[in-house]
Amino acid sequence: MNIFSQAAQLEQQNIPFALTNIIDTKGSAPRHSGQMIVKADGSIIGTVGGGMIERYVIEQAIEALQERKPRVVKGRMTRSGPEAMGMDCGGAMTVFIDVFGLRPALLLIGAGHVNRAVAHAAHVLGFDITVADAYEESLSEEHFPEGTKRVLGKTMDDAIDQLTIDKNSFVVIATNHQDQDAITKVVGCDTQYIGLMASRRKVQTLFTHLRKSNVSEAHIQAIHSPIGFNIGAETPDEIAISIMAEVLKVQHQSAGGLMKDDTRVNRNKLVLIRGAGDIATGVAVRLHNSGFKVVMTDIAQPTVIRCTVSFAQCLYGDPVEVEGITAQKARSCEEVFTALEQGYIPVMVDQECCSLNNLKPTFVVDAILAKRNLGTTKDMAPVTIALGPGFNAGVDCDAVIETNRGHYLGRVIYHGETQANTGIPGNIAGYTHQRVLRAPCNGIMHNHVSLGDIVEEGEVIAHVADSPVVSPLSGMVRGLLNEGLTVTEGFKIGDIDPRGIEADFTTVSDKARAIGGSVLEAMLHLEQTTLS
């Protein structure tokens, strides 16, 4: 069997593999043509020449499989210089790596009429389909399209235990009387999608059961139920189209809705801000008040200390209001557009900015303030702006804003970098390092005071594990991490404002307001010069 026949067999079985092909060589290369299959575990079929160059191609192929994207790699059989392989041949090789066997996995729990229709609809769309049930007659081969994997269990729990459910899986539950067992079994799994076919009343009953079973609210809210789009579907085939439309929406991270309504938000005014802490919030307030549509992204549990002026706080539950502007959590691009239409600022859990392709903002602002670049690139949007150290204007982004307090605070830099990070907190009433609270050890944070409280020097502010955190001076608690967060030794967990009752912990700081104005200036300038 030749290598292409083996590749076709692997693809038919939906076994992930990379097909590597030599597309160019120069000089003394080990081979001048050849193909090699690389599986996810690193095993190979065929060769591109052996030795260090082949090991390098295998490593690159495994990375391509993990990213689910093709790539071109180059290697030089030399001991020094760019792309050197540590070899003496002196030749060079270019290899194209393509990835296959990565059809999205659709797991159907229940083999009744609806999931049979779903299987046929999904087959046309290129899904790798597995159906599980405890009734052998329901799993008859004639009910499902060719290639469907059928899993029979002694019970529904047993059938589900035989499934491979991972972060790339799409799960649809449609059973007659076993939906409670099925959703209880699946709800905690890390998946792309969990859909549950049930009436609204049944959904309420099932969700109440899950809450009583101590299932987290985040997992419950991630369930798509009632399932599918509201298209008036009644027959199994119509319901299947409704379900697969929702699955595709999640797969492609699309906003959904009617195509004619896709222009409901003026994307020329759409700004995506990475980070939703107090400085990012100051920027968002400035831009929102200037007529821009702002969406923000952050990690699932943001470690902000100025919680009362950080839109990131809404990711912990309730909407947050800062200076009359409300931010609320958005779980999808559809919810983003809905929030923008209502005049709110949506905040998404999206550390890697996966929503960019669907939102298509004109402006991206990196306001993470990590003192280093955590993945922002100039091609993320027509205009990209970053705050603080770690960015090179003209390379990583179009402009960088100086965030160091002093004469140059808020300066817009279009070529080059900001001042280096000093590591010194801002001076308030003569205090810098002294006013900052840091974790004395690794552990879970437990607070004994609230933001805005007036405390005395030596008063216990919080505990990290069993270690107390005492106030280094008298003043107002202006910053404090959220209760229950896990922190590491030395992590900044709060700050005390020595101005006491005169301090303001409810509005945007002077620094955030100044930086927000500079971002607005840079956006307007770049809009004229870059977008014109």
Protein backbone atom coordinates (compact mmCIF):
# COMPACT_ATOMS: atom_id res chain seq x y z
CA MET A 1 0.00 0.00 0.00
CA ASN A 2 1.54 3.34 -1.03
CA ILE A 3 1.68 6.35 1.25
CA PHE A 4 -1.29 8.10 -0.35
CA SER A 5 -3.51 5.03 0.07
CA GLN A 6 -2.53 4.92 3.74
CA ALA A 7 -3.27 8.63 4.07
CA ALA A 8 -6.72 8.10 2.52
CA GLN A 9 -7.39 5.27 4.96
CA LEU A 10 -6.39 7.40 7.95
CA GLU A 11 -8.55 10.29 6.76
CA GLN A 12 -11.54 7.98 6.30
CA GLN A 13 -11.06 6.81 9.90
CA ASN A 14 -10.67 10.47 11.01
CA ILE A 15 -7.31 9.70 12.61
CA PRO A 16 -5.32 12.96 12.83
CA PHE A 17 -2.15 13.01 10.76
CA ALA A 18 0.12 15.40 8.90
CA LEU A 19 1.27 14.76 5.36
CA THR A 20 4.71 16.26 4.75
CA ASN A 21 6.00 16.81 1.24
CA ILE A 22 9.42 18.05 0.08
CA ILE A 23 8.74 20.98 -2.23
CA ASP A 24 12.26 22.41 -2.72
CA THR A 25 15.89 21.44 -2.08
CA LYS A 26 19.25 23.06 -2.63
CA GLY A 27 22.71 21.55 -2.55
CA SER A 28 23.45 18.33 -0.75
CA ALA A 29 20.06 17.49 0.80
CA PRO A 30 19.41 13.92 2.09
CA ARG A 31 16.48 13.63 -0.36
CA HIS A 32 15.19 15.78 -3.18
CA SER A 33 11.64 14.42 -3.20
CA GLY A 34 9.53 12.42 -0.79
CA GLN A 35 6.49 12.31 1.42
CA MET A 36 6.02 11.29 5.03
CA ILE A 37 2.95 10.78 7.22
CA VAL A 38 3.30 11.96 10.81
CA LYS A 39 0.67 10.89 13.35
CA ALA A 40 -0.18 12.84 16.51
CA ASP A 41 1.96 10.50 18.63
CA GLY A 42 5.02 11.16 16.46
CA SER A 43 4.99 7.82 14.62
CA ILE A 44 5.70 8.06 10.90
CA ILE A 45 5.07 6.35 7.59
CA GLY A 46 7.60 7.13 4.85
CA THR A 47 10.58 9.47 5.10
CA VAL A 48 11.91 12.86 4.03
CA GLY A 49 15.54 11.87 4.47
CA GLY A 50 16.13 10.85 8.06
CA GLY A 51 18.49 12.43 10.55
CA MET A 52 18.07 15.80 12.23
CA ILE A 53 16.12 17.37 9.39
CA GLU A 54 13.50 14.61 9.62
CA ARG A 55 13.26 14.96 13.41
CA TYR A 56 12.71 18.68 12.92
CA VAL A 57 9.96 18.05 10.35
CA ILE A 58 8.26 15.60 12.73
CA GLU A 59 8.30 18.19 15.54
CA GLN A 60 6.84 20.81 13.20
CA ALA A 61 4.19 18.37 11.95
CA ILE A 62 3.04 17.61 15.52
CA GLU A 63 2.77 21.35 16.22
CA ALA A 64 0.77 21.80 13.01
CA LEU A 65 -1.63 19.08 14.15
CA GLN A 66 -2.06 20.75 17.52
CA GLU A 67 -2.78 24.09 15.82
CA ARG A 68 -4.91 22.37 13.16
CA LYS A 69 -3.20 24.52 10.50
CA PRO A 70 -0.79 23.73 7.60
CA ARG A 71 2.66 25.29 7.48
CA VAL A 72 5.86 25.49 5.45
CA VAL A 73 9.18 24.73 7.19
CA LYS A 74 12.73 25.26 6.04
CA GLY A 75 15.94 23.68 7.26
CA ARG A 76 19.58 24.12 6.36
CA MET A 77 22.03 21.25 6.78
CA THR A 78 24.66 23.53 8.33
CA ARG A 79 26.02 23.99 11.85
CA SER A 80 25.39 27.73 12.08
CA GLY A 81 23.25 30.46 10.62
CA PRO A 82 19.47 30.82 10.31
CA GLU A 83 17.44 27.57 10.23
CA ALA A 84 20.64 25.54 10.88
CA MET A 85 20.17 21.83 11.66
CA GLY A 86 23.62 21.24 13.14
CA MET A 87 24.70 19.17 10.12
CA ASP A 88 27.63 19.27 7.70
CA CYS A 89 25.86 18.49 4.40
CA GLY A 90 25.54 22.13 3.44
CA GLY A 91 22.21 21.67 1.64
CA ALA A 92 18.75 23.08 2.31
CA MET A 93 15.24 21.66 2.27
CA THR A 94 11.74 23.19 2.23
CA VAL A 95 8.82 21.01 3.32
CA PHE A 96 5.08 21.67 3.13
CA ILE A 97 3.06 20.20 6.01
CA ASP A 98 -0.68 19.74 5.62
CA VAL A 99 -3.03 18.34 8.28
CA PHE A 100 -5.85 15.81 7.84
CA GLY A 101 -8.18 13.58 9.83
CA LEU A 102 -9.42 16.52 11.89
CA ARG A 103 -13.13 16.43 11.15
CA PRO A 104 -15.06 17.89 14.10
CA ALA A 105 -16.42 15.17 16.39
CA LEU A 106 -20.20 15.13 16.85
CA LEU A 107 -21.34 12.86 19.70
CA LEU A 108 -25.04 12.03 19.66
CA ILE A 109 -26.40 10.68 22.94
CA GLY A 110 -29.65 8.92 22.14
CA ALA A 111 -30.40 7.18 18.86
CA GLY A 112 -34.01 8.26 18.38
CA HIS A 113 -35.64 9.96 15.42
CA VAL A 114 -34.16 13.43 16.07
CA ASN A 115 -30.55 12.31 16.45
CA ARG A 116 -30.90 10.10 13.40
CA ALA A 117 -31.90 13.19 11.42
CA VAL A 118 -29.08 15.17 13.06
CA ALA A 119 -26.60 12.46 11.98
CA HIS A 120 -27.68 12.72 8.33
CA ALA A 121 -27.49 16.54 8.38
CA ALA A 122 -24.07 16.47 10.07
CA HIS A 123 -22.72 13.85 7.64
CA VAL A 124 -23.22 16.25 4.71
CA LEU A 125 -21.40 18.95 6.71
CA GLY A 126 -18.30 16.78 7.22
CA PHE A 127 -18.64 15.86 10.91
CA ASP A 128 -17.20 12.67 12.39
CA ILE A 129 -20.31 11.15 13.95
CA THR A 130 -20.65 8.83 16.94
CA VAL A 131 -24.02 7.84 18.35
CA ALA A 132 -24.52 6.17 21.75
CA ASP A 133 -27.55 4.43 23.22
CA ALA A 134 -28.56 1.56 25.51
CA TYR A 135 -31.09 0.08 23.04
CA GLU A 136 -29.57 -2.10 20.34
CA GLU A 137 -32.53 -1.80 17.95
CA SER A 138 -32.24 2.02 18.01
CA LEU A 139 -28.65 1.73 16.79
CA SER A 140 -29.46 -0.30 13.68
CA GLU A 141 -27.07 0.50 10.86
CA GLU A 142 -29.80 1.52 8.40
CA HIS A 143 -30.80 4.47 10.59
CA PHE A 144 -27.49 6.31 10.17
CA PRO A 145 -25.23 7.56 7.36
CA GLU A 146 -22.21 5.53 6.27
CA GLY A 147 -19.24 5.86 8.60
CA THR A 148 -21.26 6.56 11.76
CA LYS A 149 -19.73 4.91 14.82
CA ARG A 150 -22.38 3.23 16.95
CA VAL A 151 -21.80 2.66 20.68
CA LEU A 152 -24.03 0.31 22.67
CA GLY A 153 -24.00 0.34 26.45
CA LYS A 154 -25.75 -1.76 29.09
CA THR A 155 -27.09 1.57 30.37
CA MET A 156 -26.91 5.10 29.03
CA ASP A 157 -24.18 5.86 31.59
CA ASP A 158 -22.23 2.88 30.31
CA ALA A 159 -22.63 4.05 26.70
CA ILE A 160 -21.44 7.55 27.57
CA ASP A 161 -18.42 6.11 29.41
CA GLN A 162 -17.33 4.54 26.12
CA LEU A 163 -17.25 7.92 24.34
CA THR A 164 -14.16 10.07 23.97
CA ILE A 165 -15.35 13.54 24.98
CA ASP A 166 -12.75 16.28 24.74
CA LYS A 167 -12.43 20.02 24.13
CA ASN A 168 -13.04 19.57 20.39
CA SER A 169 -16.28 17.60 20.80
CA PHE A 170 -19.82 18.71 20.00
CA VAL A 171 -22.37 16.83 22.10
CA VAL A 172 -26.11 16.60 21.39
CA ILE A 173 -28.37 14.91 23.94
CA ALA A 174 -31.77 13.79 22.66
CA THR A 175 -33.20 10.88 24.65
CA ASN A 176 -36.70 9.84 25.62
CA HIS A 177 -36.42 9.41 29.37
CA GLN A 178 -32.69 9.43 30.16
CA ASP A 179 -31.84 13.10 29.63
CA GLN A 180 -31.21 13.69 33.36
CA ASP A 181 -28.69 10.86 33.54
CA ALA A 182 -27.05 12.00 30.30
CA ILE A 183 -26.71 15.70 31.14
CA THR A 184 -25.47 14.89 34.66
CA LYS A 185 -22.77 12.70 33.12
CA VAL A 186 -21.71 15.20 30.46
CA VAL A 187 -22.18 18.66 32.00
CA GLY A 188 -18.73 18.83 33.60
CA CYS A 189 -16.85 17.82 30.44
CA ASP A 190 -14.68 20.35 28.60
CA THR A 191 -16.34 20.50 25.18
CA GLN A 192 -16.98 22.86 22.30
CA TYR A 193 -20.73 22.48 22.70
CA ILE A 194 -23.32 20.65 24.77
CA GLY A 195 -26.87 20.78 23.45
CA LEU A 196 -29.84 19.30 25.32
CA MET A 197 -33.18 18.68 23.65
CA ALA A 198 -35.88 19.44 26.20
CA SER A 199 -38.88 21.70 26.74
CA ARG A 200 -38.40 24.92 28.68
CA ARG A 201 -40.19 23.44 31.68
CA LYS A 202 -38.02 20.31 31.53
CA VAL A 203 -34.91 22.45 31.24
CA GLN A 204 -35.82 24.25 34.47
CA THR A 205 -36.30 20.92 36.24
CA LEU A 206 -32.98 19.54 34.95
CA PHE A 207 -31.05 22.71 35.83
CA THR A 208 -32.52 22.64 39.37
CA HIS A 209 -31.31 19.05 39.68
CA LEU A 210 -27.82 20.04 38.51
CA ARG A 211 -27.64 22.88 41.01
CA LYS A 212 -28.67 20.55 43.82
CA SER A 213 -25.88 18.24 42.63
CA ASN A 214 -23.39 21.12 43.15
CA VAL A 215 -22.71 21.59 39.43
CA SER A 216 -21.16 25.03 38.91
CA GLU A 217 -23.35 27.76 37.48
CA ALA A 218 -20.79 28.34 34.71
CA HIS A 219 -21.19 24.75 33.50
CA ILE A 220 -24.99 24.97 33.67
CA GLN A 221 -25.12 28.24 31.74
CA ALA A 222 -22.88 26.74 29.03
CA ILE A 223 -25.58 24.17 28.14
CA HIS A 224 -27.52 25.05 24.98
CA SER A 225 -31.08 24.23 25.95
CA PRO A 226 -33.72 24.43 24.63
CA ILE A 227 -31.52 23.40 21.75
CA GLY A 228 -31.20 24.93 18.28
CA PHE A 229 -32.44 28.03 16.50
CA ASN A 230 -36.06 29.11 16.68
CA ILE A 231 -37.15 28.47 13.09
CA GLY A 232 -40.54 26.92 13.89
CA ALA A 233 -39.13 23.41 13.45
CA GLU A 234 -41.53 20.51 14.13
CA THR A 235 -40.39 17.42 12.20
CA PRO A 236 -37.14 15.58 13.07
CA ASP A 237 -35.52 16.81 9.85
CA GLU A 238 -36.48 20.42 10.60
CA ILE A 239 -35.27 20.11 14.19
CA ALA A 240 -31.97 18.66 12.91
CA ILE A 241 -31.40 21.71 10.72
CA SER A 242 -32.14 23.96 13.69
CA ILE A 243 -29.65 22.05 15.87
CA MET A 244 -26.87 21.92 13.27
CA ALA A 245 -27.28 25.65 12.58
CA GLU A 246 -26.52 26.30 16.25
CA VAL A 247 -23.61 23.83 16.22
CA LEU A 248 -22.11 25.61 13.19
CA LYS A 249 -22.60 28.99 14.88
CA VAL A 250 -20.55 27.78 17.86
CA GLN A 251 -17.96 26.03 15.66
CA HIS A 252 -17.32 29.18 13.62
CA GLN A 253 -17.75 31.54 16.61
CA SER A 254 -20.26 33.47 14.58
CA ALA A 255 -22.59 36.15 15.87
CA GLY A 256 -25.54 34.36 14.27
CA GLY A 257 -28.72 36.15 13.30
CA LEU A 258 -29.93 37.18 9.86
CA MET A 259 -27.36 38.17 7.25
CA LYS A 260 -29.29 41.37 6.58
CA ASP A 261 -28.83 42.32 10.24
CA ASP A 262 -25.04 41.81 10.20
CA THR A 263 -24.55 45.55 9.81
CA ARG A 264 -26.40 46.42 13.03
CA VAL A 265 -23.11 47.57 14.64
CA ASN A 266 -20.97 50.08 12.76
CA ARG A 267 -17.69 48.18 12.69
CA ASN A 268 -15.82 51.37 11.80
CA LYS A 269 -16.56 52.41 15.38
CA LEU A 270 -15.89 49.00 16.95
CA VAL A 271 -12.98 48.80 19.41
CA LEU A 272 -11.75 45.62 21.08
CA ILE A 273 -9.79 46.24 24.29
CA ARG A 274 -7.62 43.40 25.58
CA GLY A 275 -7.83 43.51 29.37
CA ALA A 276 -10.58 44.98 31.54
CA GLY A 277 -8.74 46.21 34.63
CA ASP A 278 -8.88 49.76 36.02
CA ILE A 279 -6.65 51.36 33.34
CA ALA A 280 -8.43 49.49 30.55
CA THR A 281 -11.74 50.57 32.06
CA GLY A 282 -10.62 54.20 32.03
CA VAL A 283 -9.85 53.82 28.33
CA ALA A 284 -13.22 52.15 27.72
CA VAL A 285 -15.10 54.95 29.50
CA ARG A 286 -13.32 57.59 27.41
CA LEU A 287 -14.00 55.80 24.12
CA HIS A 288 -17.60 54.92 24.99
CA ASN A 289 -18.33 58.54 25.84
CA SER A 290 -16.78 59.55 22.51
CA GLY A 291 -19.23 57.44 20.53
CA PHE A 292 -17.17 54.28 19.96
CA LYS A 293 -18.56 50.78 20.43
CA VAL A 294 -16.33 49.03 22.94
CA VAL A 295 -15.97 45.30 23.65
CA MET A 296 -13.44 44.03 26.20
CA THR A 297 -11.77 40.65 26.79
CA ASP A 298 -10.03 39.17 29.82
CA ILE A 299 -9.25 35.90 31.60
CA ALA A 300 -12.01 33.95 33.38
CA GLN A 301 -10.95 35.13 36.87
CA PRO A 302 -9.28 38.54 36.43
CA THR A 303 -6.84 39.51 39.19
CA VAL A 304 -7.85 43.16 39.43
CA ILE A 305 -7.51 44.95 42.75
CA ARG A 306 -9.46 48.14 41.93
CA CYS A 307 -12.65 46.11 41.54
CA THR A 308 -15.05 49.07 41.88
CA VAL A 309 -13.60 50.73 38.76
CA SER A 310 -12.81 47.64 36.69
CA PHE A 311 -15.27 46.33 34.13
CA ALA A 312 -13.54 42.94 34.53
CA GLN A 313 -15.53 42.54 37.72
CA CYS A 314 -18.64 41.64 35.70
CA LEU A 315 -16.98 38.33 34.76
CA TYR A 316 -17.63 37.23 38.34
CA GLY A 317 -21.40 37.55 37.86
CA ASP A 318 -23.47 40.72 37.97
CA PRO A 319 -23.16 43.71 35.61
CA VAL A 320 -20.81 46.48 36.76
CA GLU A 321 -21.39 50.23 36.51
CA VAL A 322 -18.54 52.77 36.40
CA GLU A 323 -19.31 56.46 35.96
CA GLY A 324 -22.79 55.71 34.62
CA ILE A 325 -21.62 53.13 32.05
CA THR A 326 -22.66 49.50 32.48
CA ALA A 327 -20.57 46.49 31.50
CA GLN A 328 -21.94 42.96 31.39
CA LYS A 329 -20.54 39.53 30.65
CA ALA A 330 -21.01 38.25 27.10
CA ARG A 331 -20.67 34.54 26.39
CA SER A 332 -20.77 34.77 22.59
CA CYS A 333 -20.41 37.22 19.73
CA GLU A 334 -24.20 37.30 19.49
CA GLU A 335 -24.37 38.51 23.10
CA VAL A 336 -21.67 41.07 22.31
CA PHE A 337 -23.77 42.65 19.56
CA THR A 338 -26.90 42.54 21.71
CA ALA A 339 -25.12 44.33 24.56
CA LEU A 340 -23.71 46.96 22.20
CA GLU A 341 -27.17 47.61 20.79
CA GLN A 342 -28.44 48.18 24.32
CA GLY A 343 -25.68 50.68 25.07
CA TYR A 344 -23.65 48.39 27.34
CA ILE A 345 -19.98 47.41 27.20
CA PRO A 346 -19.73 43.62 26.74
CA VAL A 347 -16.84 41.79 28.41
CA MET A 348 -15.85 38.33 27.15
CA VAL A 349 -13.65 35.60 28.55
CA ASP A 350 -11.30 35.42 25.58
CA GLN A 351 -7.65 35.48 26.57
CA GLU A 352 -6.43 34.48 23.10
CA CYS A 353 -8.74 36.88 21.20
CA CYS A 354 -10.43 34.02 19.35
CA SER A 355 -13.43 36.29 18.71
CA LEU A 356 -11.45 38.66 16.47
CA ASN A 357 -12.40 36.97 13.20
CA ASN A 358 -16.09 37.28 13.97
CA LEU A 359 -16.10 40.73 15.55
CA LYS A 360 -13.76 42.29 12.96
CA PRO A 361 -13.05 45.45 14.98
CA THR A 362 -11.42 48.44 13.32
CA PHE A 363 -9.37 49.11 16.47
CA VAL A 364 -7.59 46.80 18.91
CA VAL A 365 -6.16 48.24 22.14
CA ASP A 366 -3.88 46.08 24.29
CA ALA A 367 -4.52 47.33 27.82
CA ILE A 368 -3.41 44.19 29.69
CA LEU A 369 -0.42 46.10 31.16
CA ALA A 370 1.62 42.94 31.64
CA LYS A 371 4.85 44.87 30.95
CA ARG A 372 5.35 42.46 28.02
CA ASN A 373 3.51 41.53 24.87
CA LEU A 374 1.10 38.61 25.47
CA GLY A 375 0.26 38.04 21.82
CA THR A 376 -0.88 41.32 20.29
CA THR A 377 0.18 41.72 16.66
CA LYS A 378 -0.13 44.57 14.23
CA ASP A 379 -2.36 42.56 11.90
CA MET A 380 -5.12 42.01 14.49
CA ALA A 381 -7.01 45.05 13.18
CA PRO A 382 -6.55 47.96 10.78
CA VAL A 383 -5.40 50.02 13.81
CA THR A 384 -3.63 48.49 16.83
CA ILE A 385 -2.57 50.41 19.93
CA ALA A 386 -0.80 49.13 23.05
CA LEU A 387 -0.20 50.52 26.53
CA GLY A 388 3.11 50.54 28.32
CA PRO A 389 6.39 48.58 28.08
CA GLY A 390 6.84 45.47 25.97
CA PHE A 391 5.71 46.88 22.62
CA ASN A 392 7.54 48.43 19.69
CA ALA A 393 5.39 50.88 17.75
CA GLY A 394 5.68 50.22 14.04
CA VAL A 395 6.49 46.55 14.66
CA ASP A 396 4.03 45.06 17.17
CA CYS A 397 1.40 47.75 16.79
CA ASP A 398 0.72 51.15 15.22
CA ALA A 399 1.16 53.19 18.40
CA VAL A 400 2.25 52.76 22.02
CA ILE A 401 1.07 54.91 24.93
CA GLU A 402 3.46 55.88 27.73
CA THR A 403 2.03 54.67 31.07
CA ASN A 404 4.87 55.70 33.40
CA ARG A 405 3.80 58.54 35.70
CA GLY A 406 5.65 61.80 35.18
CA HIS A 407 6.15 64.36 32.48
CA TYR A 408 5.65 61.86 29.61
CA LEU A 409 2.54 60.08 30.94
CA GLY A 410 0.11 59.62 28.02
CA ARG A 411 2.66 60.42 25.29
CA VAL A 412 1.72 58.74 21.99
CA ILE A 413 4.65 56.96 20.34
CA TYR A 414 4.34 55.98 16.69
CA HIS A 415 7.88 54.63 16.26
CA GLY A 416 9.80 52.94 19.06
CA GLU A 417 9.10 51.98 22.65
CA THR A 418 8.00 53.51 25.94
CA GLN A 419 10.18 54.01 28.98
CA ALA A 420 11.27 50.78 30.68
CA ASN A 421 9.24 49.48 33.60
CA THR A 422 10.54 51.08 36.82
CA GLY A 423 8.79 48.63 39.12
CA ILE A 424 7.93 51.53 41.43
CA PRO A 425 4.23 52.12 42.23
CA GLY A 426 2.85 55.61 41.78
CA ASN A 427 3.63 58.13 44.51
CA ILE A 428 0.61 59.03 46.65
CA ALA A 429 1.23 61.43 49.54
CA GLY A 430 4.88 60.38 49.59
CA TYR A 431 4.21 56.61 49.66
CA THR A 432 5.13 54.21 46.83
CA HIS A 433 6.12 50.62 47.72
CA GLN A 434 4.88 51.09 51.28
CA ARG A 435 1.20 51.28 50.35
CA VAL A 436 1.13 48.06 48.31
CA LEU A 437 -0.12 44.81 49.85
CA ARG A 438 1.49 41.58 48.65
CA ALA A 439 0.74 37.94 49.37
CA PRO A 440 3.02 36.61 52.15
CA CYS A 441 2.76 33.05 50.79
CA ASN A 442 0.95 30.84 48.30
CA GLY A 443 -2.71 30.23 49.09
CA ILE A 444 -6.33 31.28 48.86
CA MET A 445 -7.24 34.90 49.58
CA HIS A 446 -9.78 35.63 52.36
CA ASN A 447 -10.71 39.29 52.93
CA HIS A 448 -11.60 40.88 56.27
CA VAL A 449 -12.31 44.38 54.94
CA SER A 450 -14.02 45.87 51.88
CA LEU A 451 -13.00 48.43 49.30
CA GLY A 452 -13.49 51.93 50.69
CA ASP A 453 -12.96 50.90 54.32
CA ILE A 454 -10.73 53.12 56.47
CA VAL A 455 -8.07 51.05 58.25
CA GLU A 456 -5.30 51.68 60.74
CA GLU A 457 -1.65 50.71 60.45
CA GLY A 458 -1.20 47.12 61.60
CA GLU A 459 -4.86 46.17 61.09
CA VAL A 460 -5.45 42.74 59.51
CA ILE A 461 -6.72 43.27 55.97
CA ALA A 462 -6.88 39.67 54.78
CA HIS A 463 -5.47 36.19 55.14
CA VAL A 464 -3.64 34.20 52.49
CA ALA A 465 -3.94 30.60 53.66
CA ASP A 466 -3.17 30.97 57.38
CA SER A 467 -0.91 34.02 57.04
CA PRO A 468 -2.32 37.45 57.93
CA VAL A 469 -1.90 40.47 55.67
CA VAL A 470 -1.65 43.64 57.76
CA SER A 471 -2.00 47.22 56.63
CA PRO A 472 1.42 48.90 56.34
CA LEU A 473 -0.10 52.33 57.02
CA SER A 474 -3.36 54.07 57.89
CA GLY A 475 -5.69 55.06 55.06
CA MET A 476 -8.44 53.83 52.73
CA VAL A 477 -8.55 50.37 51.16
CA ARG A 478 -8.46 51.49 47.52
CA GLY A 479 -7.61 48.12 46.00
CA LEU A 480 -8.25 44.51 47.05
CA LEU A 481 -8.39 41.24 45.14
CA ASN A 482 -11.63 39.31 44.95
CA GLU A 483 -12.42 36.93 47.77
CA GLY A 484 -11.39 33.31 47.22
CA LEU A 485 -8.75 33.82 44.53
CA THR A 486 -5.63 31.67 44.63
CA VAL A 487 -2.45 33.77 44.74
CA THR A 488 1.28 33.17 44.84
CA GLU A 489 3.83 34.61 47.23
CA GLY A 490 4.67 38.24 46.39
CA PHE A 491 1.59 38.75 44.20
CA LYS A 492 0.03 42.21 44.47
CA ILE A 493 -3.26 41.77 46.31
CA GLY A 494 -4.24 45.31 47.31
CA ASP A 495 -3.21 48.84 48.13
CA ILE A 496 -3.86 51.43 50.82
CA ASP A 497 -4.41 55.09 49.92
CA PRO A 498 -2.80 57.25 52.64
CA ARG A 499 -5.21 60.11 51.86
CA GLY A 500 -7.85 58.20 53.78
CA ILE A 501 -11.36 59.58 53.60
CA GLU A 502 -10.32 62.05 50.89
CA ALA A 503 -9.43 59.22 48.48
CA ASP A 504 -11.92 58.20 45.78
CA PHE A 505 -12.29 54.49 45.04
CA THR A 506 -15.44 54.75 42.89
CA THR A 507 -14.30 56.70 39.82
CA VAL A 508 -11.65 56.36 37.13
CA SER A 509 -8.19 57.50 38.27
CA ASP A 510 -6.36 60.49 36.85
CA LYS A 511 -3.82 58.14 35.27
CA ALA A 512 -6.47 55.99 33.57
CA ARG A 513 -8.30 59.07 32.34
CA ALA A 514 -5.11 60.55 30.87
CA ILE A 515 -4.18 57.31 29.13
CA GLY A 516 -7.73 56.99 27.79
CA GLY A 517 -7.44 60.43 26.22
CA SER A 518 -4.16 59.46 24.60
CA VAL A 519 -5.67 56.29 23.15
CA LEU A 520 -8.49 58.37 21.69
CA GLU A 521 -5.95 60.79 20.18
CA ALA A 522 -3.96 57.92 18.63
CA MET A 523 -7.10 56.31 17.22
CA LEU A 524 -8.27 59.52 15.56
CA HIS A 525 -4.81 60.23 14.17
CA LEU A 526 -4.32 56.70 12.82
CA GLU A 527 -7.85 56.65 11.44
CA GLN A 528 -6.93 59.63 9.27
CA THR A 529 -3.47 58.45 8.23
CA THR A 530 -3.85 54.66 8.10
CA LEU A 531 -7.46 54.15 7.05
CA SER A 532 -7.82 57.04 4.62
